[in-house]
Structure formats: structure tokens, C-alpha cells
């Protein structure tokens, strides 16, 4: 077994967070390339991150790049969830004006990332579609983000809100080599902590919900036992949504049963049984609770019918 290298990859000379994460990525690659047992790799990685990870400074990523990144990911996620991809929906998601959305879409079209067959029919930005180039780029971004979330949650023990927020920083120091090593380290995960599929060459991410026979919770029949598949990422404030749902134990793997609907506002009374701590087990019925969800909130929760558990 080789001798453990004495390195400090997070020296104070790193001027910004992107450099810190880039250096971490290289250190992680060195660590996992050596012949150390997986448990030792995990412990050393935890030591590196917990001692040096909190350093933060201003990101060097340009605002434009961040905007394009968010648009690519959102357009892709809208396609996965089968939602109409229109300018108005993007304006709602990002809280910006229609002209702002139109300007970004024009740039993306110029760069060959999207096509907009809806233009020319009176409504700019209607019928937005990713090109092959745009889809490939979106899948790279989402794969890096969701792998980073998995690493932060499964290895460092962050909750799913922290993992989501911090993954934005970690993903930008990730090369294809790091992606491959993370996939091996994490046991080839299929989804992120929120249940969204990790794009790979062998997974039809766009058809994932269809393959799961999933539907939105607000469309579920009453008194039918369901299992939570994923939490939508097409929301205005994802961290707030994850925090709120986490408090009610509404996570992938939890059981949900619509017990009734209020005809005045379409809110749902839902029975929730937290997901089992051991894979393969059914959630403990003694921990079940009844919650009240608005129709809009229930639409962000994708579920599938389970007949025998």
C-alpha cells in the first residue's frame, strides 16, 4: 500500500471558492486512485472537506454563465415532468420579466442550445426545445449537480437542503474523471437525494417518470397507497420547498395516501408514513401522520401506486 501523501490542497493562497473546489476535485481523484480501502477514502475525504470546505469567497463564474446554466437545467426538467416549455413558465420560475426571458432565450438560440418553433406565431418563447447540443450540456450540468448532492449527503452526512445548496459550488470543480470515480464510490446511484434521475448514457432521464408510472400527488385517487418517487426541481425556491417537505417527512420512499380533498380550495389531506431507514423495508405505520397540502404543493410531489408492501 502506498504511503499517505502529506498534502494541503486547500492552502490559503486559493483566492476564490471555485479554486478551492477545483483543488478538492484533484485531491479527491488522487485519493481514490490510490489503493486505500473505501472506508479510509471516505474518512480522509471527510477530514479534508470538514476542515477546509467552509472557506468561501466570491465565485469567479460569470453571471451570464450562471443564468444559461439555470435555463438549461430548468428547460430540461420541464421536459422530464412533461410541462409546457414556454417563456411565461420560465419568467415565473426565475421571477423575471418576459423581456428578460426573451433576451436569454435569444442568446441560447444564437449559441445553438435551443430552438423555438413557437416564434412567428405571435408568442415569443413558446414551444422551446433543447437541441442535441443543449440537451447534452444540460445533462452534464445535472449529472454533476446530482452527483455532488449524493456525495455531500451520503459521504459527508449533510441533509438534503444543505446538499442541494452546497452542490452548486462543488459541481464546478468536477471533471469527467471525478464523475466516474464518484459513481463508483457512491455505488452507481440512480437518483439524487430528492429522487431526480442522474443522467448517464444508460438511463433515459427524460422518460424516467413515465417508466416509474408516476403521477403528481394532486392527481392521485383517494385512499390509494402511493410511494413518493421524487420532488420537483421546477420551483421558485427549491430550498424552501425541501425544508418544508422535509419537516413533514415527505421524501422519496415515503408512503402517501390522499385521504380527502377540500372542494373550496382543492387542498389535500394526506397520510404520510416516513420512509424506512433500511432499504427494502416498509415505512413504520406507527410514525404515520396526517398533513394538509395545498393543490400547488401536492403537484410538486411525484408518486407511484404501490400494491404490495
C-alpha atoms as a PDB file:
ATOM      1  CA  UNK A   1       0.000   0.000   0.000  1.00  0.00           C
ATOM      2  CA  UNK A   2       1.442   3.406  -0.900  1.00  0.00           C
ATOM      3  CA  UNK A   3       2.354   5.913   1.754  1.00  0.00           C
ATOM      4  CA  UNK A   4      -0.352   8.501   2.506  1.00  0.00           C
ATOM      5  CA  UNK A   5       0.614  11.740   0.823  1.00  0.00           C
ATOM      6  CA  UNK A   6       1.149  14.755   3.033  1.00  0.00           C
ATOM      7  CA  UNK A   7      -0.722  17.451   1.130  1.00  0.00           C
ATOM      8  CA  UNK A   8      -2.720  20.532   1.911  1.00  0.00           C
ATOM      9  CA  UNK A   9      -4.836  21.030  -1.230  1.00  0.00           C
ATOM     10  CA  UNK A  10      -6.772  23.898   0.359  1.00  0.00           C
ATOM     11  CA  UNK A  11      -3.954  26.337   1.012  1.00  0.00           C
ATOM     12  CA  UNK A  12      -4.920  29.903   1.872  1.00  0.00           C
ATOM     13  CA  UNK A  13      -3.436  31.032  -1.430  1.00  0.00           C
ATOM     14  CA  UNK A  14      -6.655  29.852  -3.107  1.00  0.00           C
ATOM     15  CA  UNK A  15      -8.363  33.151  -3.909  1.00  0.00           C
ATOM     16  CA  UNK A  16     -11.902  32.005  -4.513  1.00  0.00           C
ATOM     17  CA  UNK A  17     -14.326  29.191  -3.911  1.00  0.00           C
ATOM     18  CA  UNK A  18     -14.074  27.854  -7.436  1.00  0.00           C
ATOM     19  CA  UNK A  19     -10.341  27.343  -6.984  1.00  0.00           C
ATOM     20  CA  UNK A  20     -10.958  25.594  -3.675  1.00  0.00           C
ATOM     21  CA  UNK A  21     -13.402  23.155  -5.202  1.00  0.00           C
ATOM     22  CA  UNK A  22     -11.223  22.605  -8.255  1.00  0.00           C
ATOM     23  CA  UNK A  23      -8.322  21.737  -5.966  1.00  0.00           C
ATOM     24  CA  UNK A  24     -10.583  19.468  -3.931  1.00  0.00           C
ATOM     25  CA  UNK A  25     -11.572  17.661  -7.115  1.00  0.00           C
ATOM     26  CA  UNK A  26      -7.935  16.957  -7.951  1.00  0.00           C
ATOM     27  CA  UNK A  27      -7.216  15.815  -4.394  1.00  0.00           C
ATOM     28  CA  UNK A  28     -10.246  13.535  -4.469  1.00  0.00           C
ATOM     29  CA  UNK A  29      -9.047  11.988  -7.730  1.00  0.00           C
ATOM     30  CA  UNK A  30      -5.593  11.319  -6.238  1.00  0.00           C
ATOM     31  CA  UNK A  31      -7.153   9.851  -3.108  1.00  0.00           C
ATOM     32  CA  UNK A  32      -9.499   7.472  -4.892  1.00  0.00           C
ATOM     33  CA  UNK A  33      -6.825   6.467  -7.420  1.00  0.00           C
ATOM     34  CA  UNK A  34      -4.597   5.088  -4.661  1.00  0.00           C
ATOM     35  CA  UNK A  35      -5.043   1.646  -3.181  1.00  0.00           C
ATOM     36  CA  UNK A  36      -6.761   2.687   0.024  1.00  0.00           C
ATOM     37  CA  UNK A  37      -9.796   0.791   1.342  1.00  0.00           C
ATOM     38  CA  UNK A  38     -13.106   2.628   0.634  1.00  0.00           C
ATOM     39  CA  UNK A  39     -13.648   3.334   4.346  1.00  0.00           C
ATOM     40  CA  UNK A  40     -10.269   5.065   4.569  1.00  0.00           C
ATOM     41  CA  UNK A  41     -11.009   7.058   1.410  1.00  0.00           C
ATOM     42  CA  UNK A  42     -14.270   8.213   2.982  1.00  0.00           C
ATOM     43  CA  UNK A  43     -12.679   9.196   6.294  1.00  0.00           C
ATOM     44  CA  UNK A  44      -9.846  11.153   4.672  1.00  0.00           C
ATOM     45  CA  UNK A  45     -12.274  12.874   2.289  1.00  0.00           C
ATOM     46  CA  UNK A  46     -14.487  13.838   5.221  1.00  0.00           C
ATOM     47  CA  UNK A  47     -11.433  15.238   7.009  1.00  0.00           C
ATOM     48  CA  UNK A  48     -10.465  17.363   4.003  1.00  0.00           C
ATOM     49  CA  UNK A  49     -13.973  18.721   3.493  1.00  0.00           C
ATOM     50  CA  UNK A  50     -14.923  19.347   7.101  1.00  0.00           C
ATOM     51  CA  UNK A  51     -11.687  21.232   7.813  1.00  0.00           C
ATOM     52  CA  UNK A  52     -11.261  23.205   4.615  1.00  0.00           C
ATOM     53  CA  UNK A  53     -14.626  23.176   2.864  1.00  0.00           C
ATOM     54  CA  UNK A  54     -16.177  26.122   4.799  1.00  0.00           C
ATOM     55  CA  UNK A  55     -13.818  28.697   3.258  1.00  0.00           C
ATOM     56  CA  UNK A  56     -15.809  30.902   0.896  1.00  0.00           C
ATOM     57  CA  UNK A  57     -15.221  33.888  -1.306  1.00  0.00           C
ATOM     58  CA  UNK A  58     -16.827  35.381  -4.371  1.00  0.00           C
ATOM     59  CA  UNK A  59     -17.321  32.958  -7.247  1.00  0.00           C
ATOM     60  CA  UNK A  60     -15.458  33.637 -10.464  1.00  0.00           C
ATOM     61  CA  UNK A  61     -18.251  32.182 -12.605  1.00  0.00           C
ATOM     62  CA  UNK A  62     -19.843  34.885 -14.728  1.00  0.00           C
ATOM     63  CA  UNK A  63     -23.442  35.895 -14.127  1.00  0.00           C
ATOM     64  CA  UNK A  64     -24.286  35.061 -17.732  1.00  0.00           C
ATOM     65  CA  UNK A  65     -22.914  31.533 -17.413  1.00  0.00           C
ATOM     66  CA  UNK A  66     -24.949  31.000 -14.267  1.00  0.00           C
ATOM     67  CA  UNK A  67     -28.106  32.207 -15.999  1.00  0.00           C
ATOM     68  CA  UNK A  68     -27.602  29.958 -19.015  1.00  0.00           C
ATOM     69  CA  UNK A  69     -26.893  27.057 -16.678  1.00  0.00           C
ATOM     70  CA  UNK A  70     -30.165  27.611 -14.805  1.00  0.00           C
ATOM     71  CA  UNK A  71     -32.178  27.941 -18.013  1.00  0.00           C
ATOM     72  CA  UNK A  72     -30.711  24.752 -19.465  1.00  0.00           C
ATOM     73  CA  UNK A  73     -31.451  22.789 -16.305  1.00  0.00           C
ATOM     74  CA  UNK A  74     -34.983  24.181 -15.983  1.00  0.00           C
ATOM     75  CA  UNK A  75     -35.917  23.570 -19.618  1.00  0.00           C
ATOM     76  CA  UNK A  76     -34.621  20.012 -19.287  1.00  0.00           C
ATOM     77  CA  UNK A  77     -36.527  19.414 -16.033  1.00  0.00           C
ATOM     78  CA  UNK A  78     -39.728  20.803 -17.536  1.00  0.00           C
ATOM     79  CA  UNK A  79     -39.362  18.274 -20.360  1.00  0.00           C
ATOM     80  CA  UNK A  80     -38.843  15.448 -17.842  1.00  0.00           C
ATOM     81  CA  UNK A  81     -42.017  16.447 -15.980  1.00  0.00           C
ATOM     82  CA  UNK A  82     -43.996  16.875 -19.192  1.00  0.00           C
ATOM     83  CA  UNK A  83     -44.773  20.547 -18.604  1.00  0.00           C
ATOM     84  CA  UNK A  84     -45.241  23.067 -21.443  1.00  0.00           C
ATOM     85  CA  UNK A  85     -41.942  24.863 -22.008  1.00  0.00           C
ATOM     86  CA  UNK A  86     -42.953  28.447 -22.598  1.00  0.00           C
ATOM     87  CA  UNK A  87     -41.476  31.835 -21.827  1.00  0.00           C
ATOM     88  CA  UNK A  88     -44.163  32.615 -19.250  1.00  0.00           C
ATOM     89  CA  UNK A  89     -43.278  29.491 -17.254  1.00  0.00           C
ATOM     90  CA  UNK A  90     -39.602  30.466 -17.210  1.00  0.00           C
ATOM     91  CA  UNK A  91     -40.467  34.011 -16.128  1.00  0.00           C
ATOM     92  CA  UNK A  92     -42.499  32.548 -13.246  1.00  0.00           C
ATOM     93  CA  UNK A  93     -39.703  30.166 -12.260  1.00  0.00           C
ATOM     94  CA  UNK A  94     -36.976  32.826 -12.178  1.00  0.00           C
ATOM     95  CA  UNK A  95     -39.117  35.778 -11.063  1.00  0.00           C
ATOM     96  CA  UNK A  96     -38.104  37.966 -14.014  1.00  0.00           C
ATOM     97  CA  UNK A  97     -39.908  39.857 -16.746  1.00  0.00           C
ATOM     98  CA  UNK A  98     -40.906  38.478 -20.131  1.00  0.00           C
ATOM     99  CA  UNK A  99     -38.371  40.709 -21.964  1.00  0.00           C
ATOM    100  CA  UNK A 100     -35.631  39.381 -19.684  1.00  0.00           C
ATOM    101  CA  UNK A 101     -36.560  35.804 -20.558  1.00  0.00           C
ATOM    102  CA  UNK A 102     -36.747  36.652 -24.267  1.00  0.00           C
ATOM    103  CA  UNK A 103     -33.223  38.113 -24.184  1.00  0.00           C
ATOM    104  CA  UNK A 104     -31.764  34.993 -22.557  1.00  0.00           C
ATOM    105  CA  UNK A 105     -33.620  32.681 -24.935  1.00  0.00           C
ATOM    106  CA  UNK A 106     -32.370  34.660 -27.938  1.00  0.00           C
ATOM    107  CA  UNK A 107     -28.809  34.212 -26.758  1.00  0.00           C
ATOM    108  CA  UNK A 108     -29.343  30.487 -26.184  1.00  0.00           C
ATOM    109  CA  UNK A 109     -30.826  30.140 -29.656  1.00  0.00           C
ATOM    110  CA  UNK A 110     -27.864  32.008 -31.146  1.00  0.00           C
ATOM    111  CA  UNK A 111     -25.493  29.648 -29.323  1.00  0.00           C
ATOM    112  CA  UNK A 112     -27.281  26.605 -30.716  1.00  0.00           C
ATOM    113  CA  UNK A 113     -28.668  25.411 -27.367  1.00  0.00           C
ATOM    114  CA  UNK A 114     -32.391  25.699 -28.127  1.00  0.00           C
ATOM    115  CA  UNK A 115     -34.864  26.088 -30.953  1.00  0.00           C
ATOM    116  CA  UNK A 116     -38.125  27.968 -30.619  1.00  0.00           C
ATOM    117  CA  UNK A 117     -40.654  26.744 -33.169  1.00  0.00           C
ATOM    118  CA  UNK A 118     -43.300  28.831 -31.409  1.00  0.00           C
ATOM    119  CA  UNK A 119     -41.751  32.069 -32.662  1.00  0.00           C
ATOM    120  CA  UNK A 120     -43.591  33.541 -35.591  1.00  0.00           C
ATOM    121  CA  UNK A 121     -46.966  32.512 -34.179  1.00  0.00           C
ATOM    122  CA  UNK A 122     -47.375  35.665 -32.135  1.00  0.00           C
ATOM    123  CA  UNK A 123     -45.906  34.486 -28.808  1.00  0.00           C
ATOM    124  CA  UNK A 124     -42.151  34.716 -28.394  1.00  0.00           C
ATOM    125  CA  UNK A 125     -40.609  31.860 -26.456  1.00  0.00           C
ATOM    126  CA  UNK A 126     -43.445  29.384 -26.975  1.00  0.00           C
ATOM    127  CA  UNK A 127     -42.543  25.819 -27.805  1.00  0.00           C
ATOM    128  CA  UNK A 128     -38.953  25.925 -26.542  1.00  0.00           C
ATOM    129  CA  UNK A 129     -36.923  22.795 -27.259  1.00  0.00           C
ATOM    130  CA  UNK A 130     -33.346  21.853 -26.440  1.00  0.00           C
ATOM    131  CA  UNK A 131     -31.136  20.994 -29.377  1.00  0.00           C
ATOM    132  CA  UNK A 132     -28.896  17.932 -29.184  1.00  0.00           C
ATOM    133  CA  UNK A 133     -26.128  20.280 -28.051  1.00  0.00           C
ATOM    134  CA  UNK A 134     -28.368  21.894 -25.430  1.00  0.00           C
ATOM    135  CA  UNK A 135     -29.630  18.571 -24.120  1.00  0.00           C
ATOM    136  CA  UNK A 136     -26.104  17.163 -23.841  1.00  0.00           C
ATOM    137  CA  UNK A 137     -24.935  20.242 -21.946  1.00  0.00           C
ATOM    138  CA  UNK A 138     -27.955  20.166 -19.629  1.00  0.00           C
ATOM    139  CA  UNK A 139     -27.314  16.504 -18.838  1.00  0.00           C
ATOM    140  CA  UNK A 140     -23.675  17.195 -17.971  1.00  0.00           C
ATOM    141  CA  UNK A 141     -24.718  20.009 -15.613  1.00  0.00           C
ATOM    142  CA  UNK A 142     -27.441  17.959 -13.943  1.00  0.00           C
ATOM    143  CA  UNK A 143     -25.242  14.885 -13.632  1.00  0.00           C
ATOM    144  CA  UNK A 144     -22.528  16.913 -11.886  1.00  0.00           C
ATOM    145  CA  UNK A 145     -25.023  18.642  -9.591  1.00  0.00           C
ATOM    146  CA  UNK A 146     -26.843  15.465  -8.590  1.00  0.00           C
ATOM    147  CA  UNK A 147     -23.649  13.503  -8.057  1.00  0.00           C
ATOM    148  CA  UNK A 148     -22.354  16.348  -5.886  1.00  0.00           C
ATOM    149  CA  UNK A 149     -25.607  16.230  -3.888  1.00  0.00           C
ATOM    150  CA  UNK A 150     -25.242  12.493  -3.406  1.00  0.00           C
ATOM    151  CA  UNK A 151     -21.638  12.849  -2.246  1.00  0.00           C
ATOM    152  CA  UNK A 152     -22.479  15.619   0.221  1.00  0.00           C
ATOM    153  CA  UNK A 153     -25.482  13.719   1.599  1.00  0.00           C
ATOM    154  CA  UNK A 154     -24.153  10.154   1.600  1.00  0.00           C
ATOM    155  CA  UNK A 155     -20.493  10.723   2.457  1.00  0.00           C
ATOM    156  CA  UNK A 156     -20.465  13.983   4.404  1.00  0.00           C
ATOM    157  CA  UNK A 157     -23.855  13.460   6.020  1.00  0.00           C
ATOM    158  CA  UNK A 158     -25.453  16.767   5.003  1.00  0.00           C
ATOM    159  CA  UNK A 159     -29.237  16.981   4.986  1.00  0.00           C
ATOM    160  CA  UNK A 160     -30.896  17.257   1.593  1.00  0.00           C
ATOM    161  CA  UNK A 161     -31.259  21.053   1.798  1.00  0.00           C
ATOM    162  CA  UNK A 162     -27.578  21.643   2.592  1.00  0.00           C
ATOM    163  CA  UNK A 163     -26.553  19.124  -0.051  1.00  0.00           C
ATOM    164  CA  UNK A 164     -28.616  20.942  -2.672  1.00  0.00           C
ATOM    165  CA  UNK A 165     -27.234  24.372  -1.805  1.00  0.00           C
ATOM    166  CA  UNK A 166     -23.578  23.369  -1.497  1.00  0.00           C
ATOM    167  CA  UNK A 167     -23.637  21.158  -4.594  1.00  0.00           C
ATOM    168  CA  UNK A 168     -23.776  24.326  -6.703  1.00  0.00           C
ATOM    169  CA  UNK A 169     -20.204  25.047  -5.607  1.00  0.00           C
ATOM    170  CA  UNK A 170     -18.803  21.534  -5.628  1.00  0.00           C
ATOM    171  CA  UNK A 171     -20.086  20.629  -9.091  1.00  0.00           C
ATOM    172  CA  UNK A 172     -17.969  23.284 -10.809  1.00  0.00           C
ATOM    173  CA  UNK A 173     -14.693  21.620  -9.948  1.00  0.00           C
ATOM    174  CA  UNK A 174     -15.872  18.280 -11.327  1.00  0.00           C
ATOM    175  CA  UNK A 175     -14.244  16.689 -14.371  1.00  0.00           C
ATOM    176  CA  UNK A 176     -15.450  13.545 -16.198  1.00  0.00           C
ATOM    177  CA  UNK A 177     -12.777  11.584 -14.327  1.00  0.00           C
ATOM    178  CA  UNK A 178     -14.181  12.800 -10.995  1.00  0.00           C
ATOM    179  CA  UNK A 179     -17.710  11.926 -12.139  1.00  0.00           C
ATOM    180  CA  UNK A 180     -16.617   8.363 -12.879  1.00  0.00           C
ATOM    181  CA  UNK A 181     -14.843   7.997  -9.534  1.00  0.00           C
ATOM    182  CA  UNK A 182     -17.844   9.382  -7.658  1.00  0.00           C
ATOM    183  CA  UNK A 183     -20.171   6.957  -9.407  1.00  0.00           C
ATOM    184  CA  UNK A 184     -18.003   4.067  -8.209  1.00  0.00           C
ATOM    185  CA  UNK A 185     -17.572   5.460  -4.687  1.00  0.00           C
ATOM    186  CA  UNK A 186     -21.317   6.064  -4.298  1.00  0.00           C
ATOM    187  CA  UNK A 187     -22.328   2.674  -5.712  1.00  0.00           C
ATOM    188  CA  UNK A 188     -23.658   3.939  -9.063  1.00  0.00           C
ATOM    189  CA  UNK A 189     -26.620   5.889  -7.657  1.00  0.00           C
ATOM    190  CA  UNK A 190     -29.603   6.266  -9.938  1.00  0.00           C
ATOM    191  CA  UNK A 191     -31.059   9.405  -8.373  1.00  0.00           C
ATOM    192  CA  UNK A 192     -30.140  12.444  -6.304  1.00  0.00           C
ATOM    193  CA  UNK A 193     -31.389  12.709  -2.678  1.00  0.00           C
ATOM    194  CA  UNK A 194     -34.595  14.329  -3.956  1.00  0.00           C
ATOM    195  CA  UNK A 195     -35.335  11.398  -6.280  1.00  0.00           C
ATOM    196  CA  UNK A 196     -34.440  13.093  -9.571  1.00  0.00           C
ATOM    197  CA  UNK A 197     -32.598  10.800 -12.011  1.00  0.00           C
ATOM    198  CA  UNK A 198     -28.865  11.215 -12.587  1.00  0.00           C
ATOM    199  CA  UNK A 199     -28.298  11.419 -16.359  1.00  0.00           C
ATOM    200  CA  UNK A 200     -25.968   8.716 -17.680  1.00  0.00           C
ATOM    201  CA  UNK A 201     -25.508   7.015 -21.009  1.00  0.00           C
ATOM    202  CA  UNK A 202     -27.618   4.051 -19.867  1.00  0.00           C
ATOM    203  CA  UNK A 203     -30.529   5.964 -18.299  1.00  0.00           C
ATOM    204  CA  UNK A 204     -33.435   7.544 -20.200  1.00  0.00           C
ATOM    205  CA  UNK A 205     -33.749  10.534 -17.892  1.00  0.00           C
ATOM    206  CA  UNK A 206     -36.486  12.249 -19.894  1.00  0.00           C
ATOM    207  CA  UNK A 207     -38.601   9.091 -19.758  1.00  0.00           C
ATOM    208  CA  UNK A 208     -37.861   8.353 -16.089  1.00  0.00           C
ATOM    209  CA  UNK A 209     -41.234   9.406 -14.656  1.00  0.00           C
ATOM    210  CA  UNK A 210     -43.078   7.509 -17.365  1.00  0.00           C
ATOM    211  CA  UNK A 211     -41.041   4.395 -16.586  1.00  0.00           C
ATOM    212  CA  UNK A 212     -41.975   4.751 -12.913  1.00  0.00           C
ATOM    213  CA  UNK A 213     -45.663   5.135 -13.835  1.00  0.00           C
ATOM    214  CA  UNK A 214     -45.506   8.280 -11.736  1.00  0.00           C
ATOM    215  CA  UNK A 215     -48.153  10.948 -11.332  1.00  0.00           C
ATOM    216  CA  UNK A 216     -48.448  14.145  -9.348  1.00  0.00           C
ATOM    217  CA  UNK A 217     -49.842  13.695  -5.852  1.00  0.00           C
ATOM    218  CA  UNK A 218     -52.648  16.169  -6.536  1.00  0.00           C
ATOM    219  CA  UNK A 219     -53.844  13.810  -9.296  1.00  0.00           C
ATOM    220  CA  UNK A 220     -53.818  10.674  -7.133  1.00  0.00           C
ATOM    221  CA  UNK A 221     -57.057   8.880  -6.262  1.00  0.00           C
ATOM    222  CA  UNK A 222     -58.199   8.936  -2.669  1.00  0.00           C
ATOM    223  CA  UNK A 223     -57.423   6.039  -0.308  1.00  0.00           C
ATOM    224  CA  UNK A 224     -54.792   4.544  -2.632  1.00  0.00           C
ATOM    225  CA  UNK A 225     -51.392   3.777  -1.135  1.00  0.00           C
ATOM    226  CA  UNK A 226     -48.647   5.636  -3.006  1.00  0.00           C
ATOM    227  CA  UNK A 227     -44.877   5.916  -2.719  1.00  0.00           C
ATOM    228  CA  UNK A 228     -43.053   9.217  -3.205  1.00  0.00           C
ATOM    229  CA  UNK A 229     -40.768   8.998  -6.245  1.00  0.00           C
ATOM    230  CA  UNK A 230     -39.282  12.470  -6.486  1.00  0.00           C
ATOM    231  CA  UNK A 231     -39.668  16.124  -5.565  1.00  0.00           C
ATOM    232  CA  UNK A 232     -39.927  18.541  -8.484  1.00  0.00           C
ATOM    233  CA  UNK A 233     -36.978  20.843  -9.135  1.00  0.00           C
ATOM    234  CA  UNK A 234     -39.125  23.226 -11.184  1.00  0.00           C
ATOM    235  CA  UNK A 235     -39.961  25.559  -8.313  1.00  0.00           C
ATOM    236  CA  UNK A 236     -39.261  29.178  -7.445  1.00  0.00           C
ATOM    237  CA  UNK A 237     -37.467  28.427  -4.150  1.00  0.00           C
ATOM    238  CA  UNK A 238     -36.226  24.844  -4.046  1.00  0.00           C
ATOM    239  CA  UNK A 239     -34.502  25.145  -0.658  1.00  0.00           C
ATOM    240  CA  UNK A 240     -37.688  26.432   0.986  1.00  0.00           C
ATOM    241  CA  UNK A 241     -39.713  23.611  -0.585  1.00  0.00           C
ATOM    242  CA  UNK A 242     -37.248  20.937   0.538  1.00  0.00           C
ATOM    243  CA  UNK A 243     -37.136  22.355   4.061  1.00  0.00           C
ATOM    244  CA  UNK A 244     -40.929  22.394   4.334  1.00  0.00           C
ATOM    245  CA  UNK A 245     -41.430  18.898   2.913  1.00  0.00           C
ATOM    246  CA  UNK A 246     -38.569  17.522   4.996  1.00  0.00           C
ATOM    247  CA  UNK A 247     -40.287  18.710   8.158  1.00  0.00           C
ATOM    248  CA  UNK A 248     -43.272  16.571   7.167  1.00  0.00           C
ATOM    249  CA  UNK A 249     -41.053  13.598   6.193  1.00  0.00           C
ATOM    250  CA  UNK A 250     -42.216  13.827   2.586  1.00  0.00           C
ATOM    251  CA  UNK A 251     -39.165  12.374   0.839  1.00  0.00           C
ATOM    252  CA  UNK A 252     -38.545   9.723  -1.820  1.00  0.00           C
ATOM    253  CA  UNK A 253     -39.534   6.351  -0.402  1.00  0.00           C
ATOM    254  CA  UNK A 254     -42.153   7.720   1.988  1.00  0.00           C
ATOM    255  CA  UNK A 255     -45.705   6.395   1.688  1.00  0.00           C
ATOM    256  CA  UNK A 256     -48.538   8.807   0.946  1.00  0.00           C
ATOM    257  CA  UNK A 257     -52.310   8.337   0.843  1.00  0.00           C
ATOM    258  CA  UNK A 258     -54.750  11.062  -0.182  1.00  0.00           C
ATOM    259  CA  UNK A 259     -57.448  10.923   2.493  1.00  0.00           C
ATOM    260  CA  UNK A 260     -59.648  13.720   1.225  1.00  0.00           C
ATOM    261  CA  UNK A 261     -59.936  16.999  -0.673  1.00  0.00           C
ATOM    262  CA  UNK A 262     -61.376  20.359   0.313  1.00  0.00           C
ATOM    263  CA  UNK A 263     -63.682  21.418  -2.557  1.00  0.00           C
ATOM    264  CA  UNK A 264     -63.320  25.096  -1.665  1.00  0.00           C
ATOM    265  CA  UNK A 265     -59.578  25.380  -2.380  1.00  0.00           C
ATOM    266  CA  UNK A 266     -58.610  21.893  -3.669  1.00  0.00           C
ATOM    267  CA  UNK A 267     -56.232  21.364  -0.746  1.00  0.00           C
ATOM    268  CA  UNK A 268     -55.473  17.746   0.125  1.00  0.00           C
ATOM    269  CA  UNK A 269     -55.471  15.858   3.420  1.00  0.00           C
ATOM    270  CA  UNK A 270     -52.682  13.319   3.083  1.00  0.00           C
ATOM    271  CA  UNK A 271     -51.488  10.492   5.299  1.00  0.00           C
ATOM    272  CA  UNK A 272     -47.676  10.278   5.341  1.00  0.00           C
ATOM    273  CA  UNK A 273     -45.558   7.382   6.602  1.00  0.00           C
ATOM    274  CA  UNK A 274     -41.839   8.330   6.694  1.00  0.00           C
ATOM    275  CA  UNK A 275     -39.544   6.256   4.504  1.00  0.00           C
ATOM    276  CA  UNK A 276     -37.905   3.220   6.064  1.00  0.00           C
ATOM    277  CA  UNK A 277     -34.366   3.604   7.347  1.00  0.00           C
ATOM    278  CA  UNK A 278     -33.416   0.177   5.963  1.00  0.00           C
ATOM    279  CA  UNK A 279     -33.755  -0.332   2.186  1.00  0.00           C
ATOM    280  CA  UNK A 280     -36.410  -2.884   1.310  1.00  0.00           C
ATOM    281  CA  UNK A 281     -38.450  -2.367   4.473  1.00  0.00           C
ATOM    282  CA  UNK A 282     -41.855  -0.716   4.588  1.00  0.00           C
ATOM    283  CA  UNK A 283     -42.184   2.601   6.434  1.00  0.00           C
ATOM    284  CA  UNK A 284     -43.247   2.115  10.083  1.00  0.00           C
ATOM    285  CA  UNK A 285     -47.004   2.715  10.359  1.00  0.00           C
ATOM    286  CA  UNK A 286     -46.701   3.944  13.946  1.00  0.00           C
ATOM    287  CA  UNK A 287     -44.914   7.069  12.679  1.00  0.00           C
ATOM    288  CA  UNK A 288     -47.643   7.958  10.195  1.00  0.00           C
ATOM    289  CA  UNK A 289     -49.085  11.464  10.328  1.00  0.00           C
ATOM    290  CA  UNK A 290     -51.778  13.438   8.534  1.00  0.00           C
ATOM    291  CA  UNK A 291     -50.796  16.682   6.799  1.00  0.00           C
ATOM    292  CA  UNK A 292     -52.653  19.329   4.812  1.00  0.00           C
ATOM    293  CA  UNK A 293     -51.132  20.253   1.449  1.00  0.00           C
ATOM    294  CA  UNK A 294     -52.188  22.925  -0.995  1.00  0.00           C
ATOM    295  CA  UNK A 295     -53.008  21.739  -4.503  1.00  0.00           C
ATOM    296  CA  UNK A 296     -49.970  23.547  -5.922  1.00  0.00           C
ATOM    297  CA  UNK A 297     -47.634  21.980  -3.362  1.00  0.00           C
ATOM    298  CA  UNK A 298     -49.036  18.492  -3.953  1.00  0.00           C
ATOM    299  CA  UNK A 299     -48.346  18.990  -7.662  1.00  0.00           C
ATOM    300  CA  UNK A 300     -44.623  19.221  -6.878  1.00  0.00           C
ATOM    301  CA  UNK A 301     -44.613  15.702  -5.375  1.00  0.00           C
ATOM    302  CA  UNK A 302     -44.427  12.793  -7.812  1.00  0.00           C
ATOM    303  CA  UNK A 303     -45.735   9.431  -6.585  1.00  0.00           C
ATOM    304  CA  UNK A 304     -46.413   5.950  -7.867  1.00  0.00           C
ATOM    305  CA  UNK A 305     -49.008   3.381  -6.817  1.00  0.00           C
ATOM    306  CA  UNK A 306     -47.768   0.502  -4.673  1.00  0.00           C
ATOM    307  CA  UNK A 307     -49.920  -2.556  -4.366  1.00  0.00           C
ATOM    308  CA  UNK A 308     -47.969  -4.856  -2.051  1.00  0.00           C
ATOM    309  CA  UNK A 309     -45.507  -3.646   0.611  1.00  0.00           C
END
